[in-house]
Amino acid sequence: LFFTFPLGKASDGGTREDDEQVQEMFVQIMLNLYREEQGLEELLSAVELQSLIIATASLWDQCNLSWKAPTGRVLRTISKAQTKTAIMYLQAADCIKIAIQNLFKLADTLPTSDMCEAVSIILCFVKDSYPISSALLLEFEN
């Protein structure tokens, strides 16, 4: 949905207030859902989490800047709610590994602020998973 529903442009070049309100409601729903273990487990049944994590380490947000900050908020919420199942999913899908590889490839292309944001999100997943399992830390180190 982040990619499907970009904010529309108002006649003055800004975004429409209605679109911003819908976006904020949508993000709040996602934040509330993914704070709960059941919501996170539902997310794991598809590839959206893998896509979002890997997308943070790519140029996707350059064409849809309006979703950049909300995506970071959602991913940080998911990171804090990690379960053993979520960690096993992230490890099996090589999310951390692929994201880091993408960052290395784009190191000269991505603006420094975007690089820092992507690294910060990846490190949140590594840090928040550590009390449950050291698997993502080991993947990050290797």
N, C-alpha and C. Protein backbone atom coordinates (compact mmCIF):
# COMPACT_ATOMS: atom_id res chain seq x y z
N LEU A 1 0.81 -1.20 0.00
CA LEU A 1 0.00 0.00 0.00
C LEU A 1 0.85 1.26 0.00
N PHE A 2 2.04 1.21 0.59
CA PHE A 2 2.91 2.38 0.56
C PHE A 2 3.20 2.78 -0.88
N PHE A 3 3.39 1.78 -1.72
CA PHE A 3 3.76 2.04 -3.10
C PHE A 3 2.55 2.33 -3.97
N THR A 4 1.41 1.80 -3.58
CA THR A 4 0.19 1.90 -4.38
C THR A 4 -0.51 3.24 -4.22
N PHE A 5 -0.44 3.82 -3.03
CA PHE A 5 -1.19 5.04 -2.74
C PHE A 5 -0.28 6.21 -2.39
N PRO A 6 0.41 6.77 -3.37
CA PRO A 6 1.21 7.96 -3.08
C PRO A 6 0.28 9.14 -2.81
N LEU A 7 0.78 10.10 -2.05
CA LEU A 7 -0.03 11.28 -1.78
C LEU A 7 -0.19 12.08 -3.07
N GLY A 8 -1.41 12.57 -3.30
CA GLY A 8 -1.69 13.38 -4.47
C GLY A 8 -1.13 14.79 -4.31
N LYS A 9 -0.96 15.47 -5.40
CA LYS A 9 -0.44 16.84 -5.37
C LYS A 9 -1.59 17.84 -5.43
N ALA A 10 -1.50 18.85 -4.60
CA ALA A 10 -2.47 19.94 -4.64
C ALA A 10 -2.09 20.88 -5.78
N SER A 11 -2.97 21.79 -6.10
CA SER A 11 -2.71 22.71 -7.21
C SER A 11 -1.51 23.62 -6.94
N ASP A 12 -1.18 23.85 -5.66
CA ASP A 12 -0.03 24.70 -5.33
C ASP A 12 1.28 23.91 -5.25
N GLY A 13 1.26 22.63 -5.61
CA GLY A 13 2.48 21.82 -5.60
C GLY A 13 2.68 21.03 -4.33
N GLY A 14 1.94 21.32 -3.28
CA GLY A 14 2.03 20.58 -2.02
C GLY A 14 1.16 19.34 -2.08
N THR A 15 0.96 18.71 -0.94
CA THR A 15 0.07 17.54 -0.90
C THR A 15 -1.29 17.97 -0.40
N ARG A 16 -2.29 17.21 -0.76
CA ARG A 16 -3.65 17.52 -0.32
C ARG A 16 -3.82 17.12 1.14
N GLU A 17 -4.47 17.99 1.90
CA GLU A 17 -4.66 17.75 3.34
C GLU A 17 -5.43 16.46 3.59
N ASP A 18 -6.44 16.18 2.77
CA ASP A 18 -7.21 14.94 2.93
C ASP A 18 -6.31 13.72 2.78
N ASP A 19 -5.42 13.76 1.79
CA ASP A 19 -4.50 12.64 1.57
C ASP A 19 -3.58 12.46 2.77
N GLU A 20 -3.12 13.56 3.32
CA GLU A 20 -2.24 13.48 4.49
C GLU A 20 -2.97 12.88 5.69
N GLN A 21 -4.23 13.24 5.86
CA GLN A 21 -5.01 12.68 6.97
C GLN A 21 -5.26 11.19 6.77
N VAL A 22 -5.56 10.79 5.56
CA VAL A 22 -5.76 9.37 5.26
C VAL A 22 -4.46 8.61 5.50
N GLN A 23 -3.36 9.18 5.05
CA GLN A 23 -2.06 8.54 5.27
C GLN A 23 -1.79 8.37 6.77
N GLU A 24 -2.02 9.39 7.55
CA GLU A 24 -1.77 9.32 8.99
C GLU A 24 -2.68 8.28 9.65
N MET A 25 -3.94 8.22 9.25
CA MET A 25 -4.84 7.19 9.80
C MET A 25 -4.35 5.79 9.44
N PHE A 26 -3.95 5.62 8.20
CA PHE A 26 -3.44 4.34 7.73
C PHE A 26 -2.19 3.93 8.52
N VAL A 27 -1.29 4.86 8.72
CA VAL A 27 -0.06 4.57 9.47
C VAL A 27 -0.39 4.23 10.92
N GLN A 28 -1.32 4.96 11.53
CA GLN A 28 -1.70 4.67 12.92
C GLN A 28 -2.31 3.27 13.05
N ILE A 29 -3.11 2.88 12.07
CA ILE A 29 -3.67 1.53 12.08
C ILE A 29 -2.55 0.50 12.01
N MET A 30 -1.60 0.73 11.13
CA MET A 30 -0.47 -0.20 11.01
C MET A 30 0.34 -0.25 12.30
N LEU A 31 0.59 0.90 12.90
CA LEU A 31 1.36 0.93 14.15
C LEU A 31 0.64 0.14 15.23
N ASN A 32 -0.66 0.33 15.33
CA ASN A 32 -1.44 -0.40 16.35
C ASN A 32 -1.46 -1.90 16.07
N LEU A 33 -1.59 -2.28 14.81
CA LEU A 33 -1.61 -3.70 14.45
C LEU A 33 -0.28 -4.38 14.76
N TYR A 34 0.81 -3.74 14.38
CA TYR A 34 2.11 -4.40 14.47
C TYR A 34 2.76 -4.30 15.84
N ARG A 35 2.13 -3.57 16.75
CA ARG A 35 2.60 -3.59 18.14
C ARG A 35 2.22 -4.91 18.81
N GLU A 36 1.21 -5.55 18.26
CA GLU A 36 0.69 -6.79 18.82
C GLU A 36 1.30 -8.00 18.10
N GLU A 37 1.56 -9.04 18.87
CA GLU A 37 2.17 -10.24 18.31
C GLU A 37 1.34 -10.83 17.17
N GLN A 38 0.03 -10.87 17.33
CA GLN A 38 -0.84 -11.45 16.30
C GLN A 38 -0.75 -10.65 14.99
N GLY A 39 -0.70 -9.34 15.09
CA GLY A 39 -0.58 -8.51 13.89
C GLY A 39 0.74 -8.75 13.18
N LEU A 40 1.80 -8.87 13.96
CA LEU A 40 3.12 -9.14 13.39
C LEU A 40 3.14 -10.52 12.72
N GLU A 41 2.55 -11.50 13.37
CA GLU A 41 2.51 -12.85 12.81
C GLU A 41 1.76 -12.86 11.47
N GLU A 42 0.68 -12.08 11.37
CA GLU A 42 -0.05 -11.98 10.10
C GLU A 42 0.82 -11.37 9.01
N LEU A 43 1.60 -10.38 9.37
CA LEU A 43 2.49 -9.73 8.41
C LEU A 43 3.52 -10.72 7.88
N LEU A 44 3.93 -11.66 8.72
CA LEU A 44 4.95 -12.63 8.31
C LEU A 44 4.42 -13.64 7.30
N SER A 45 3.11 -13.75 7.16
CA SER A 45 2.55 -14.72 6.23
C SER A 45 2.67 -14.26 4.77
N ALA A 46 3.14 -13.06 4.55
CA ALA A 46 3.34 -12.53 3.20
C ALA A 46 4.79 -12.02 3.10
N VAL A 47 5.13 -11.40 2.00
CA VAL A 47 6.50 -10.92 1.80
C VAL A 47 6.64 -9.42 2.05
N GLU A 48 5.60 -8.79 2.57
CA GLU A 48 5.64 -7.34 2.72
C GLU A 48 6.74 -6.87 3.67
N LEU A 49 6.95 -7.59 4.77
CA LEU A 49 7.99 -7.17 5.72
C LEU A 49 9.35 -7.25 5.05
N GLN A 50 9.63 -8.33 4.37
CA GLN A 50 10.90 -8.46 3.66
C GLN A 50 11.04 -7.32 2.65
N SER A 51 9.99 -7.05 1.91
CA SER A 51 10.04 -5.99 0.90
C SER A 51 10.30 -4.63 1.53
N LEU A 52 9.65 -4.33 2.64
CA LEU A 52 9.84 -3.03 3.29
C LEU A 52 11.25 -2.86 3.82
N ILE A 53 11.78 -3.91 4.46
CA ILE A 53 13.13 -3.81 5.02
C ILE A 53 14.15 -3.63 3.90
N ILE A 54 14.04 -4.44 2.87
CA ILE A 54 14.98 -4.35 1.76
C ILE A 54 14.81 -3.02 1.02
N ALA A 55 13.58 -2.54 0.92
CA ALA A 55 13.34 -1.27 0.24
C ALA A 55 13.99 -0.09 0.95
N THR A 56 14.14 -0.17 2.27
CA THR A 56 14.78 0.94 2.98
C THR A 56 16.23 1.09 2.58
N ALA A 57 16.81 0.02 2.03
CA ALA A 57 18.20 0.07 1.60
C ALA A 57 18.30 0.13 0.08
N SER A 58 17.34 0.80 -0.54
CA SER A 58 17.34 0.97 -1.99
C SER A 58 16.93 2.40 -2.30
N LEU A 59 16.64 2.66 -3.54
CA LEU A 59 16.26 4.02 -3.94
C LEU A 59 14.75 4.21 -4.05
N TRP A 60 13.96 3.28 -3.51
CA TRP A 60 12.50 3.34 -3.69
C TRP A 60 11.91 4.64 -3.18
N ASP A 61 12.43 5.15 -2.06
CA ASP A 61 11.81 6.33 -1.46
C ASP A 61 12.12 7.61 -2.22
N GLN A 62 13.03 7.55 -3.17
CA GLN A 62 13.33 8.74 -3.96
C GLN A 62 12.16 9.10 -4.86
N CYS A 63 11.34 8.10 -5.22
CA CYS A 63 10.20 8.38 -6.08
C CYS A 63 8.90 8.51 -5.29
N ASN A 64 8.96 8.32 -3.99
CA ASN A 64 7.76 8.43 -3.16
C ASN A 64 8.15 8.94 -1.77
N LEU A 65 8.62 10.16 -1.72
CA LEU A 65 9.14 10.74 -0.47
C LEU A 65 8.11 10.84 0.64
N SER A 66 6.83 10.93 0.28
CA SER A 66 5.79 11.11 1.29
C SER A 66 5.65 9.90 2.21
N TRP A 67 6.14 8.74 1.80
CA TRP A 67 6.02 7.54 2.63
C TRP A 67 7.30 7.22 3.39
N LYS A 68 8.34 7.98 3.19
CA LYS A 68 9.64 7.67 3.80
C LYS A 68 9.57 7.65 5.32
N ALA A 69 9.13 8.71 5.94
CA ALA A 69 9.06 8.78 7.41
C ALA A 69 8.04 7.79 7.98
N PRO A 70 6.83 7.69 7.40
CA PRO A 70 5.88 6.70 7.92
C PRO A 70 6.41 5.26 7.84
N THR A 71 7.11 4.94 6.77
CA THR A 71 7.68 3.60 6.65
C THR A 71 8.68 3.34 7.76
N GLY A 72 9.51 4.32 8.05
CA GLY A 72 10.47 4.19 9.15
C GLY A 72 9.78 3.98 10.48
N ARG A 73 8.69 4.71 10.71
CA ARG A 73 7.93 4.55 11.96
C ARG A 73 7.35 3.15 12.09
N VAL A 74 6.78 2.66 11.00
CA VAL A 74 6.19 1.32 11.01
C VAL A 74 7.27 0.26 11.23
N LEU A 75 8.38 0.39 10.54
CA LEU A 75 9.45 -0.60 10.70
C LEU A 75 10.03 -0.59 12.11
N ARG A 76 10.16 0.58 12.71
CA ARG A 76 10.67 0.64 14.09
C ARG A 76 9.67 0.01 15.07
N THR A 77 8.40 0.18 14.83
CA THR A 77 7.37 -0.46 15.66
C THR A 77 7.45 -1.97 15.52
N ILE A 78 7.58 -2.44 14.30
CA ILE A 78 7.71 -3.88 14.06
C ILE A 78 8.96 -4.41 14.74
N SER A 79 10.04 -3.66 14.65
CA SER A 79 11.29 -4.08 15.27
C SER A 79 11.14 -4.29 16.78
N LYS A 80 10.43 -3.39 17.43
CA LYS A 80 10.24 -3.49 18.88
C LYS A 80 9.34 -4.65 19.28
N ALA A 81 8.52 -5.13 18.36
CA ALA A 81 7.56 -6.20 18.67
C ALA A 81 8.04 -7.57 18.19
N GLN A 82 9.31 -7.69 17.86
CA GLN A 82 9.81 -8.94 17.29
C GLN A 82 9.57 -10.14 18.21
N THR A 83 9.29 -11.25 17.57
CA THR A 83 9.11 -12.53 18.26
C THR A 83 10.14 -13.50 17.70
N LYS A 84 10.24 -14.65 18.31
CA LYS A 84 11.14 -15.69 17.80
C LYS A 84 10.77 -16.04 16.36
N THR A 85 9.48 -16.14 16.09
CA THR A 85 9.01 -16.45 14.73
C THR A 85 9.44 -15.36 13.74
N ALA A 86 9.31 -14.11 14.15
CA ALA A 86 9.69 -12.99 13.28
C ALA A 86 11.19 -13.02 12.99
N ILE A 87 11.97 -13.32 14.00
CA ILE A 87 13.42 -13.37 13.82
C ILE A 87 13.79 -14.50 12.87
N MET A 88 13.15 -15.65 13.04
CA MET A 88 13.42 -16.78 12.14
C MET A 88 13.03 -16.42 10.70
N TYR A 89 11.92 -15.69 10.54
CA TYR A 89 11.48 -15.24 9.22
C TYR A 89 12.52 -14.30 8.60
N LEU A 90 12.95 -13.31 9.38
CA LEU A 90 13.92 -12.34 8.88
C LEU A 90 15.22 -13.03 8.48
N GLN A 91 15.63 -14.01 9.28
CA GLN A 91 16.86 -14.73 8.98
C GLN A 91 16.68 -15.61 7.73
N ALA A 92 15.58 -16.33 7.65
CA ALA A 92 15.33 -17.21 6.50
C ALA A 92 15.22 -16.42 5.20
N ALA A 93 14.66 -15.22 5.28
CA ALA A 93 14.49 -14.38 4.09
C ALA A 93 15.73 -13.56 3.77
N ASP A 94 16.77 -13.66 4.60
CA ASP A 94 18.02 -12.92 4.42
C ASP A 94 17.80 -11.41 4.35
N CYS A 95 16.81 -10.91 5.08
CA CYS A 95 16.47 -9.48 5.03
C CYS A 95 17.65 -8.59 5.40
N ILE A 96 18.30 -8.90 6.50
CA ILE A 96 19.42 -8.07 6.96
C ILE A 96 20.56 -8.14 5.96
N LYS A 97 20.88 -9.34 5.53
CA LYS A 97 21.97 -9.55 4.58
C LYS A 97 21.73 -8.79 3.27
N ILE A 98 20.54 -8.93 2.71
CA ILE A 98 20.22 -8.27 1.44
C ILE A 98 20.22 -6.76 1.60
N ALA A 99 19.67 -6.27 2.71
CA ALA A 99 19.64 -4.82 2.94
C ALA A 99 21.06 -4.26 3.03
N ILE A 100 21.94 -4.97 3.73
CA ILE A 100 23.32 -4.50 3.86
C ILE A 100 24.03 -4.55 2.51
N GLN A 101 23.81 -5.61 1.75
CA GLN A 101 24.40 -5.69 0.41
C GLN A 101 23.93 -4.53 -0.46
N ASN A 102 22.65 -4.21 -0.39
CA ASN A 102 22.12 -3.08 -1.16
C ASN A 102 22.78 -1.77 -0.74
N LEU A 103 22.96 -1.60 0.57
CA LEU A 103 23.60 -0.37 1.05
C LEU A 103 25.03 -0.25 0.54
N PHE A 104 25.75 -1.35 0.53
CA PHE A 104 27.12 -1.31 -0.01
C PHE A 104 27.11 -0.92 -1.48
N LYS A 105 26.18 -1.46 -2.25
CA LYS A 105 26.09 -1.16 -3.68
C LYS A 105 25.73 0.30 -3.93
N LEU A 106 24.91 0.86 -3.03
CA LEU A 106 24.41 2.23 -3.23
C LEU A 106 25.16 3.27 -2.40
N ALA A 107 26.26 2.86 -1.78
CA ALA A 107 26.98 3.76 -0.87
C ALA A 107 27.34 5.09 -1.52
N ASP A 108 27.70 5.07 -2.79
CA ASP A 108 28.08 6.31 -3.48
C ASP A 108 26.89 7.03 -4.10
N THR A 109 25.73 6.38 -4.11
CA THR A 109 24.54 6.94 -4.75
C THR A 109 23.57 7.57 -3.75
N LEU A 110 23.35 6.88 -2.64
CA LEU A 110 22.38 7.36 -1.64
C LEU A 110 22.90 8.59 -0.92
N PRO A 111 22.04 9.56 -0.67
CA PRO A 111 22.43 10.68 0.18
C PRO A 111 22.78 10.17 1.58
N THR A 112 23.69 10.83 2.25
CA THR A 112 24.15 10.40 3.57
C THR A 112 22.99 10.24 4.54
N SER A 113 22.04 11.15 4.52
CA SER A 113 20.91 11.06 5.46
C SER A 113 20.08 9.81 5.21
N ASP A 114 19.89 9.44 3.95
CA ASP A 114 19.14 8.23 3.62
C ASP A 114 19.91 6.98 4.04
N MET A 115 21.22 7.01 3.83
CA MET A 115 22.07 5.89 4.25
C MET A 115 21.98 5.71 5.76
N CYS A 116 22.08 6.80 6.50
CA CYS A 116 22.00 6.74 7.97
C CYS A 116 20.64 6.22 8.43
N GLU A 117 19.59 6.66 7.79
CA GLU A 117 18.24 6.20 8.14
C GLU A 117 18.10 4.70 7.91
N ALA A 118 18.57 4.22 6.76
CA ALA A 118 18.49 2.78 6.46
C ALA A 118 19.31 1.96 7.44
N VAL A 119 20.51 2.40 7.73
CA VAL A 119 21.37 1.68 8.69
C VAL A 119 20.71 1.69 10.06
N SER A 120 20.13 2.80 10.44
CA SER A 120 19.46 2.91 11.74
C SER A 120 18.32 1.89 11.86
N ILE A 121 17.53 1.76 10.82
CA ILE A 121 16.42 0.80 10.84
C ILE A 121 16.94 -0.63 10.94
N ILE A 122 17.96 -0.94 10.16
CA ILE A 122 18.55 -2.29 10.20
C ILE A 122 19.10 -2.57 11.59
N LEU A 123 19.81 -1.60 12.16
CA LEU A 123 20.37 -1.79 13.51
C LEU A 123 19.28 -1.93 14.56
N CYS A 124 18.14 -1.27 14.37
CA CYS A 124 17.02 -1.45 15.30
C CYS A 124 16.57 -2.91 15.31
N PHE A 125 16.46 -3.51 14.14
CA PHE A 125 16.06 -4.91 14.07
C PHE A 125 17.09 -5.81 14.75
N VAL A 126 18.36 -5.53 14.52
CA VAL A 126 19.42 -6.34 15.14
C VAL A 126 19.39 -6.17 16.66
N LYS A 127 19.33 -4.93 17.12
CA LYS A 127 19.34 -4.64 18.56
C LYS A 127 18.11 -5.20 19.26
N ASP A 128 16.95 -4.95 18.70
CA ASP A 128 15.70 -5.38 19.35
C ASP A 128 15.52 -6.89 19.35
N SER A 129 16.16 -7.57 18.41
CA SER A 129 16.03 -9.03 18.36
C SER A 129 17.00 -9.72 19.32
N TYR A 130 18.05 -9.04 19.71
CA TYR A 130 19.11 -9.69 20.49
C TYR A 130 18.65 -10.32 21.80
N PRO A 131 17.77 -9.69 22.59
CA PRO A 131 17.32 -10.35 23.83
C PRO A 131 16.59 -11.68 23.59
N ILE A 132 16.06 -11.86 22.40
CA ILE A 132 15.34 -13.09 22.06
C ILE A 132 16.28 -14.10 21.40
N SER A 133 17.10 -13.61 20.48
CA SER A 133 18.01 -14.47 19.72
C SER A 133 19.15 -13.63 19.16
N SER A 134 20.33 -14.21 19.12
CA SER A 134 21.49 -13.51 18.57
C SER A 134 21.63 -13.74 17.06
N ALA A 135 20.67 -14.40 16.44
CA ALA A 135 20.77 -14.78 15.03
C ALA A 135 20.97 -13.58 14.10
N LEU A 136 20.21 -12.51 14.29
CA LEU A 136 20.34 -11.35 13.39
C LEU A 136 21.65 -10.61 13.63
N LEU A 137 22.13 -10.61 14.86
CA LEU A 137 23.43 -10.00 15.14
C LEU A 137 24.53 -10.78 14.41
N LEU A 138 24.47 -12.09 14.49
CA LEU A 138 25.47 -12.91 13.79
C LEU A 138 25.39 -12.70 12.29
N GLU A 139 24.18 -12.59 11.76
CA GLU A 139 24.01 -12.32 10.33
C GLU A 139 24.58 -10.96 9.97
N PHE A 140 24.35 -9.98 10.83
CA PHE A 140 24.86 -8.63 10.61
C PHE A 140 26.38 -8.62 10.63
N GLU A 141 26.97 -9.33 11.58
CA GLU A 141 28.43 -9.37 11.71
C GLU A 141 29.09 -10.05 10.52
N ASN A 142 28.42 -11.04 9.96
CA ASN A 142 29.01 -11.78 8.84
C ASN A 142 28.70 -11.11 7.52
